[in-house]
Amino acid sequence: HKIQNEEYSSGPNKGKKVFTPLATISFLMFILVYFPCIAVFAAIKKESGSTGWAFFTIFYTTVLAYLISLTVYQVGSLFI
């Protein structure tokens, strides 16, 4: 419950909540899509026989997660 009560302590947003519902949903979307763990890296490397595919997967899923998260936040901002 501590994270729900976090507020900015300085700047133009002083006193406002850090984690709004929209920011939280956007963050969760990122977490759901981004590259999960080193075990997946190892499995991709082993199955494909190439570290290139493993690094590509890290890059691709992280960029995809960022774009999805950004889109969710920006579209959500239009309705608030």
N, C-alpha and C. Protein backbone atom coordinates (compact mmCIF):
# COMPACT_ATOMS: atom_id res chain seq x y z
N HIS A 1 0.82 -1.20 0.00
CA HIS A 1 0.00 0.00 0.00
C HIS A 1 0.86 1.26 0.00
N LYS A 2 2.13 1.11 0.29
CA LYS A 2 3.02 2.26 0.31
C LYS A 2 3.13 2.92 -1.06
N ILE A 3 3.20 2.09 -2.10
CA ILE A 3 3.38 2.61 -3.45
C ILE A 3 2.17 3.45 -3.89
N GLN A 4 0.98 3.09 -3.41
CA GLN A 4 -0.22 3.85 -3.75
C GLN A 4 -0.17 5.27 -3.20
N ASN A 5 0.56 5.47 -2.13
CA ASN A 5 0.59 6.77 -1.47
C ASN A 5 1.78 7.62 -1.87
N GLU A 6 2.63 7.12 -2.77
CA GLU A 6 3.79 7.90 -3.21
C GLU A 6 3.34 9.18 -3.90
N GLU A 7 3.97 10.30 -3.50
CA GLU A 7 3.67 11.60 -4.10
C GLU A 7 4.97 12.27 -4.49
N TYR A 8 4.88 13.14 -5.51
CA TYR A 8 6.05 13.92 -5.90
C TYR A 8 6.38 14.88 -4.76
N SER A 9 7.66 14.99 -4.42
CA SER A 9 8.06 15.86 -3.32
C SER A 9 8.57 17.22 -3.79
N SER A 10 8.78 17.37 -5.09
CA SER A 10 9.22 18.66 -5.62
C SER A 10 8.82 18.78 -7.08
N GLY A 11 9.03 19.94 -7.64
CA GLY A 11 8.74 20.17 -9.05
C GLY A 11 7.29 20.57 -9.28
N PRO A 12 6.90 20.65 -10.54
CA PRO A 12 5.55 21.13 -10.88
C PRO A 12 4.44 20.17 -10.44
N ASN A 13 4.77 18.92 -10.20
CA ASN A 13 3.76 17.94 -9.78
C ASN A 13 3.76 17.69 -8.28
N LYS A 14 4.40 18.55 -7.52
CA LYS A 14 4.52 18.37 -6.08
C LYS A 14 3.14 18.13 -5.46
N GLY A 15 3.07 17.06 -4.66
CA GLY A 15 1.83 16.70 -3.98
C GLY A 15 0.92 15.78 -4.77
N LYS A 16 1.17 15.62 -6.06
CA LYS A 16 0.35 14.72 -6.87
C LYS A 16 0.86 13.29 -6.74
N LYS A 17 -0.04 12.35 -6.96
CA LYS A 17 0.32 10.93 -6.90
C LYS A 17 1.26 10.57 -8.05
N VAL A 18 2.24 9.73 -7.76
CA VAL A 18 3.20 9.29 -8.77
C VAL A 18 2.57 8.23 -9.67
N PHE A 19 1.90 7.26 -9.06
CA PHE A 19 1.31 6.15 -9.81
C PHE A 19 -0.19 6.33 -9.95
N THR A 20 -0.58 6.96 -11.05
CA THR A 20 -1.99 7.10 -11.36
C THR A 20 -2.47 5.76 -11.93
N PRO A 21 -3.79 5.54 -11.98
CA PRO A 21 -4.27 4.28 -12.57
C PRO A 21 -3.77 4.09 -14.01
N LEU A 22 -3.73 5.16 -14.79
CA LEU A 22 -3.26 5.05 -16.17
C LEU A 22 -1.78 4.69 -16.24
N ALA A 23 -0.97 5.31 -15.41
CA ALA A 23 0.46 5.00 -15.38
C ALA A 23 0.67 3.56 -14.93
N THR A 24 -0.13 3.10 -14.00
CA THR A 24 -0.02 1.73 -13.51
C THR A 24 -0.36 0.73 -14.60
N ILE A 25 -1.44 0.96 -15.34
CA ILE A 25 -1.82 0.06 -16.43
C ILE A 25 -0.74 0.05 -17.51
N SER A 26 -0.21 1.21 -17.84
CA SER A 26 0.85 1.31 -18.83
C SER A 26 2.08 0.52 -18.39
N PHE A 27 2.45 0.67 -17.13
CA PHE A 27 3.59 -0.05 -16.57
C PHE A 27 3.35 -1.56 -16.61
N LEU A 28 2.15 -1.99 -16.25
CA LEU A 28 1.83 -3.42 -16.28
C LEU A 28 1.89 -3.99 -17.69
N MET A 29 1.47 -3.20 -18.67
CA MET A 29 1.56 -3.65 -20.06
C MET A 29 3.02 -3.87 -20.46
N PHE A 30 3.89 -2.97 -20.02
CA PHE A 30 5.32 -3.13 -20.31
C PHE A 30 5.85 -4.42 -19.68
N ILE A 31 5.52 -4.63 -18.42
CA ILE A 31 6.00 -5.81 -17.69
C ILE A 31 5.51 -7.11 -18.33
N LEU A 32 4.30 -7.10 -18.87
CA LEU A 32 3.75 -8.31 -19.49
C LEU A 32 4.45 -8.69 -20.78
N VAL A 33 5.03 -7.72 -21.49
CA VAL A 33 5.57 -7.99 -22.82
C VAL A 33 7.10 -8.06 -22.87
N TYR A 34 7.80 -7.31 -22.03
CA TYR A 34 9.26 -7.21 -22.17
C TYR A 34 9.96 -8.55 -21.93
N PHE A 35 11.23 -8.61 -22.29
CA PHE A 35 12.03 -9.83 -22.14
C PHE A 35 12.07 -10.27 -20.68
N PRO A 36 11.59 -11.46 -20.38
CA PRO A 36 11.38 -11.85 -18.99
C PRO A 36 12.60 -12.25 -18.16
N CYS A 37 13.48 -13.10 -18.67
CA CYS A 37 14.57 -13.56 -17.81
C CYS A 37 15.70 -14.19 -18.62
N ILE A 38 16.79 -14.44 -17.96
CA ILE A 38 17.96 -15.00 -18.60
C ILE A 38 17.73 -16.46 -19.04
N ALA A 39 16.83 -17.16 -18.37
CA ALA A 39 16.54 -18.55 -18.75
C ALA A 39 15.95 -18.60 -20.16
N VAL A 40 15.12 -17.64 -20.50
CA VAL A 40 14.55 -17.59 -21.85
C VAL A 40 15.66 -17.32 -22.87
N PHE A 41 16.56 -16.40 -22.52
CA PHE A 41 17.72 -16.11 -23.38
C PHE A 41 18.50 -17.40 -23.65
N ALA A 42 18.77 -18.15 -22.60
CA ALA A 42 19.53 -19.40 -22.75
C ALA A 42 18.77 -20.42 -23.60
N ALA A 43 17.46 -20.51 -23.40
CA ALA A 43 16.66 -21.46 -24.17
C ALA A 43 16.65 -21.09 -25.65
N ILE A 44 16.50 -19.81 -25.95
CA ILE A 44 16.50 -19.37 -27.35
C ILE A 44 17.86 -19.63 -27.98
N LYS A 45 18.92 -19.34 -27.24
CA LYS A 45 20.27 -19.59 -27.74
C LYS A 45 20.48 -21.08 -28.03
N LYS A 46 20.03 -21.92 -27.12
CA LYS A 46 20.20 -23.36 -27.29
C LYS A 46 19.38 -23.89 -28.46
N GLU A 47 18.12 -23.48 -28.53
CA GLU A 47 17.23 -24.00 -29.58
C GLU A 47 17.60 -23.50 -30.97
N SER A 48 18.01 -22.22 -31.06
CA SER A 48 18.34 -21.67 -32.38
C SER A 48 19.79 -21.90 -32.76
N GLY A 49 20.64 -22.17 -31.77
CA GLY A 49 22.06 -22.36 -32.03
C GLY A 49 22.79 -21.06 -32.31
N SER A 50 22.16 -19.94 -31.95
CA SER A 50 22.74 -18.63 -32.26
C SER A 50 22.44 -17.63 -31.14
N THR A 51 23.46 -16.91 -30.73
CA THR A 51 23.21 -15.84 -29.76
C THR A 51 22.53 -14.66 -30.43
N GLY A 52 22.65 -14.57 -31.75
CA GLY A 52 22.03 -13.47 -32.48
C GLY A 52 20.52 -13.44 -32.29
N TRP A 53 19.87 -14.61 -32.39
CA TRP A 53 18.43 -14.67 -32.21
C TRP A 53 18.05 -14.33 -30.77
N ALA A 54 18.86 -14.75 -29.84
CA ALA A 54 18.57 -14.45 -28.44
C ALA A 54 18.65 -12.94 -28.18
N PHE A 55 19.69 -12.29 -28.71
CA PHE A 55 19.79 -10.83 -28.55
C PHE A 55 18.69 -10.09 -29.32
N PHE A 56 18.34 -10.62 -30.49
CA PHE A 56 17.24 -10.02 -31.26
C PHE A 56 15.96 -10.07 -30.44
N THR A 57 15.71 -11.19 -29.78
CA THR A 57 14.51 -11.34 -28.96
C THR A 57 14.49 -10.34 -27.81
N ILE A 58 15.63 -10.14 -27.18
CA ILE A 58 15.71 -9.15 -26.10
C ILE A 58 15.37 -7.76 -26.63
N PHE A 59 15.99 -7.40 -27.74
CA PHE A 59 15.75 -6.08 -28.33
C PHE A 59 14.30 -5.94 -28.79
N TYR A 60 13.82 -6.92 -29.54
CA TYR A 60 12.48 -6.85 -30.11
C TYR A 60 11.40 -6.76 -29.03
N THR A 61 11.45 -7.63 -28.02
CA THR A 61 10.41 -7.63 -27.00
C THR A 61 10.45 -6.37 -26.13
N THR A 62 11.64 -5.84 -25.89
CA THR A 62 11.74 -4.62 -25.09
C THR A 62 11.19 -3.43 -25.86
N VAL A 63 11.52 -3.32 -27.13
CA VAL A 63 11.00 -2.22 -27.95
C VAL A 63 9.48 -2.36 -28.11
N LEU A 64 9.01 -3.58 -28.35
CA LEU A 64 7.58 -3.81 -28.48
C LEU A 64 6.85 -3.45 -27.19
N ALA A 65 7.41 -3.85 -26.06
CA ALA A 65 6.80 -3.52 -24.76
C ALA A 65 6.73 -2.01 -24.56
N TYR A 66 7.80 -1.31 -24.93
CA TYR A 66 7.82 0.15 -24.80
C TYR A 66 6.75 0.79 -25.67
N LEU A 67 6.65 0.35 -26.91
CA LEU A 67 5.67 0.93 -27.83
C LEU A 67 4.23 0.66 -27.38
N ILE A 68 3.97 -0.53 -26.89
CA ILE A 68 2.63 -0.85 -26.38
C ILE A 68 2.31 0.00 -25.16
N SER A 69 3.27 0.09 -24.25
CA SER A 69 3.09 0.89 -23.04
C SER A 69 2.87 2.36 -23.37
N LEU A 70 3.66 2.87 -24.28
CA LEU A 70 3.53 4.26 -24.71
C LEU A 70 2.16 4.50 -25.34
N THR A 71 1.73 3.60 -26.19
CA THR A 71 0.43 3.73 -26.85
C THR A 71 -0.71 3.70 -25.84
N VAL A 72 -0.65 2.77 -24.91
CA VAL A 72 -1.69 2.68 -23.87
C VAL A 72 -1.75 3.99 -23.09
N TYR A 73 -0.61 4.51 -22.71
CA TYR A 73 -0.58 5.75 -21.91
C TYR A 73 -1.09 6.94 -22.72
N GLN A 74 -0.63 7.07 -23.96
CA GLN A 74 -1.02 8.22 -24.78
C GLN A 74 -2.52 8.16 -25.14
N VAL A 75 -3.01 7.02 -25.51
CA VAL A 75 -4.44 6.90 -25.83
C VAL A 75 -5.27 7.11 -24.57
N GLY A 76 -4.82 6.54 -23.47
CA GLY A 76 -5.53 6.74 -22.20
C GLY A 76 -5.55 8.19 -21.77
N SER A 77 -4.48 8.92 -22.06
CA SER A 77 -4.41 10.35 -21.72
C SER A 77 -5.45 11.17 -22.46
N LEU A 78 -5.85 10.70 -23.63
CA LEU A 78 -6.87 11.41 -24.42
C LEU A 78 -8.24 11.37 -23.75
N PHE A 79 -8.47 10.36 -22.94
CA PHE A 79 -9.78 10.18 -22.30
C PHE A 79 -9.84 10.71 -20.88
N ILE A 80 -8.74 11.19 -20.37
CA ILE A 80 -8.72 11.70 -18.99
C ILE A 80 -8.80 13.21 -18.99
